[in-house]
Amino acid sequence: MPEFALASQIPTNARWIKIHYQIRTLAPDAELVAQLWSGPMPENPVVLRGESGDAFVRLDKPQSLSYQHAPNVELRLKVTAYKVGTEER
């Protein structure tokens, strides 16, 4: 799966990030849905729906965020906040 490298945006000990997203269609019938996760793909990734919004993602793999979406949509992500911590799940 494709990944976003976050090393230039957050420290290595960041465990949670707040993302602002925008999804744009490249085809008239495209569904505005994408998935985000960190580390191995979980059973329940964070699901993004609609043209824009905000989401929180736990970083299981430091400074890395994976994503998946239909080929006929464009996904833009921006880190708006992060939380440093060492807590376990």
C-alpha atoms as a PDB file:
ATOM      1  CA  MET A   1       0.000   0.000   0.000  1.00  0.00           C
ATOM      2  CA  PRO A   2       1.141   3.558  -0.609  1.00  0.00           C
ATOM      3  CA  GLU A   3       2.553   5.467   2.360  1.00  0.00           C
ATOM      4  CA  PHE A   4       2.925   9.083   3.388  1.00  0.00           C
ATOM      5  CA  ALA A   5       6.281   9.773   5.048  1.00  0.00           C
ATOM      6  CA  LEU A   6       5.712  12.156   7.952  1.00  0.00           C
ATOM      7  CA  ALA A   7       9.312  12.619   9.155  1.00  0.00           C
ATOM      8  CA  SER A   8       9.439  16.252   8.059  1.00  0.00           C
ATOM      9  CA  GLN A   9       6.159  17.065   9.853  1.00  0.00           C
ATOM     10  CA  ILE A  10       6.164  15.217  13.194  1.00  0.00           C
ATOM     11  CA  PRO A  11       8.718  13.894  15.723  1.00  0.00           C
ATOM     12  CA  THR A  12       9.575  10.193  15.971  1.00  0.00           C
ATOM     13  CA  ASN A  13       7.754   9.873  19.318  1.00  0.00           C
ATOM     14  CA  ALA A  14       4.406  11.184  18.025  1.00  0.00           C
ATOM     15  CA  ARG A  15       1.738   8.521  18.616  1.00  0.00           C
ATOM     16  CA  TRP A  16      -1.433  10.231  17.373  1.00  0.00           C
ATOM     17  CA  ILE A  17      -1.996  12.645  14.508  1.00  0.00           C
ATOM     18  CA  LYS A  18      -4.916  14.792  13.497  1.00  0.00           C
ATOM     19  CA  ILE A  19      -5.322  14.914   9.727  1.00  0.00           C
ATOM     20  CA  HIS A  20      -7.324  17.318   7.598  1.00  0.00           C
ATOM     21  CA  TYR A  21      -8.283  15.604   4.361  1.00  0.00           C
ATOM     22  CA  GLN A  22      -9.717  16.545   0.982  1.00  0.00           C
ATOM     23  CA  ILE A  23     -11.012  14.007  -1.514  1.00  0.00           C
ATOM     24  CA  ARG A  24     -11.636  15.046  -5.102  1.00  0.00           C
ATOM     25  CA  THR A  25     -13.219  12.961  -7.830  1.00  0.00           C
ATOM     26  CA  LEU A  26     -11.488  12.401 -11.145  1.00  0.00           C
ATOM     27  CA  ALA A  27     -14.584  10.710 -12.585  1.00  0.00           C
ATOM     28  CA  PRO A  28     -18.265  11.683 -12.199  1.00  0.00           C
ATOM     29  CA  ASP A  29     -19.298   8.386 -10.570  1.00  0.00           C
ATOM     30  CA  ALA A  30     -16.388   8.144  -8.086  1.00  0.00           C
ATOM     31  CA  GLU A  31     -17.191   7.468  -4.438  1.00  0.00           C
ATOM     32  CA  LEU A  32     -15.555   9.905  -2.011  1.00  0.00           C
ATOM     33  CA  VAL A  33     -14.061   7.308   0.345  1.00  0.00           C
ATOM     34  CA  ALA A  34     -10.502   6.538   1.483  1.00  0.00           C
ATOM     35  CA  GLN A  35      -8.859   4.537   4.291  1.00  0.00           C
ATOM     36  CA  LEU A  36      -5.894   5.431   6.533  1.00  0.00           C
ATOM     37  CA  TRP A  37      -3.789   3.383   8.957  1.00  0.00           C
ATOM     38  CA  SER A  38      -0.267   3.083  10.355  1.00  0.00           C
ATOM     39  CA  GLY A  39       1.717  -0.160  10.453  1.00  0.00           C
ATOM     40  CA  PRO A  40       0.081  -3.398   9.258  1.00  0.00           C
ATOM     41  CA  MET A  41      -3.404  -2.851   7.827  1.00  0.00           C
ATOM     42  CA  PRO A  42      -5.849  -3.317  10.713  1.00  0.00           C
ATOM     43  CA  GLU A  43      -9.300  -4.875  10.564  1.00  0.00           C
ATOM     44  CA  ASN A  44     -10.839  -1.433  11.043  1.00  0.00           C
ATOM     45  CA  PRO A  45      -8.809   1.320   9.367  1.00  0.00           C
ATOM     46  CA  VAL A  46      -9.850   4.955   9.709  1.00  0.00           C
ATOM     47  CA  VAL A  47     -12.439   5.600   6.979  1.00  0.00           C
ATOM     48  CA  LEU A  48     -12.626   9.036   5.366  1.00  0.00           C
ATOM     49  CA  ARG A  49     -15.899   9.979   3.660  1.00  0.00           C
ATOM     50  CA  GLY A  50     -16.974  13.105   1.828  1.00  0.00           C
ATOM     51  CA  GLU A  51     -15.149  16.007   0.226  1.00  0.00           C
ATOM     52  CA  SER A  52     -13.267  17.120   3.339  1.00  0.00           C
ATOM     53  CA  GLY A  53     -12.996  16.666   7.075  1.00  0.00           C
ATOM     54  CA  ASP A  54     -10.727  15.774   9.962  1.00  0.00           C
ATOM     55  CA  ALA A  55      -9.646  12.434  11.408  1.00  0.00           C
ATOM     56  CA  PHE A  56      -7.415  11.082  14.187  1.00  0.00           C
ATOM     57  CA  VAL A  57      -5.011   8.202  13.471  1.00  0.00           C
ATOM     58  CA  ARG A  58      -2.861   6.246  15.945  1.00  0.00           C
ATOM     59  CA  LEU A  59       0.681   5.801  14.612  1.00  0.00           C
ATOM     60  CA  ASP A  60       1.701   2.177  15.138  1.00  0.00           C
ATOM     61  CA  LYS A  61       4.633   2.700  12.740  1.00  0.00           C
ATOM     62  CA  PRO A  62       6.478   5.928  13.666  1.00  0.00           C
ATOM     63  CA  GLN A  63       6.214   8.788  11.173  1.00  0.00           C
ATOM     64  CA  SER A  64       4.352   6.675   8.622  1.00  0.00           C
ATOM     65  CA  LEU A  65       0.784   6.643   7.371  1.00  0.00           C
ATOM     66  CA  SER A  66      -0.599   4.204   4.792  1.00  0.00           C
ATOM     67  CA  TYR A  67      -3.662   4.844   2.652  1.00  0.00           C
ATOM     68  CA  GLN A  68      -5.989   3.256   0.149  1.00  0.00           C
ATOM     69  CA  HIS A  69      -8.572   4.782  -2.189  1.00  0.00           C
ATOM     70  CA  ALA A  70     -10.208   4.170  -5.539  1.00  0.00           C
ATOM     71  CA  PRO A  71      -8.061   4.977  -8.580  1.00  0.00           C
ATOM     72  CA  ASN A  72     -10.514   7.647  -9.745  1.00  0.00           C
ATOM     73  CA  VAL A  73     -10.161   9.913  -6.694  1.00  0.00           C
ATOM     74  CA  GLU A  74      -7.414  12.222  -5.462  1.00  0.00           C
ATOM     75  CA  LEU A  75      -6.593  12.319  -1.743  1.00  0.00           C
ATOM     76  CA  ARG A  76      -4.861  15.245  -0.051  1.00  0.00           C
ATOM     77  CA  LEU A  77      -3.775  15.062   3.573  1.00  0.00           C
ATOM     78  CA  LYS A  78      -2.408  17.675   5.953  1.00  0.00           C
ATOM     79  CA  VAL A  79      -1.210  17.023   9.507  1.00  0.00           C
ATOM     80  CA  THR A  80      -2.851  19.672  11.692  1.00  0.00           C
ATOM     81  CA  ALA A  81      -1.793  18.355  15.123  1.00  0.00           C
ATOM     82  CA  TYR A  82       0.021  15.496  16.822  1.00  0.00           C
ATOM     83  CA  LYS A  83       0.334  14.000  20.293  1.00  0.00           C
ATOM     84  CA  VAL A  84       3.606  12.710  21.698  1.00  0.00           C
ATOM     85  CA  GLY A  85       3.417   9.729  24.010  1.00  0.00           C
ATOM     86  CA  THR A  86       4.661   6.307  24.948  1.00  0.00           C
ATOM     87  CA  GLU A  87       1.400   4.691  26.026  1.00  0.00           C
ATOM     88  CA  GLU A  88       0.560   1.205  24.874  1.00  0.00           C
ATOM     89  CA  ARG A  89      -2.754   0.304  23.255  1.00  0.00           C
END
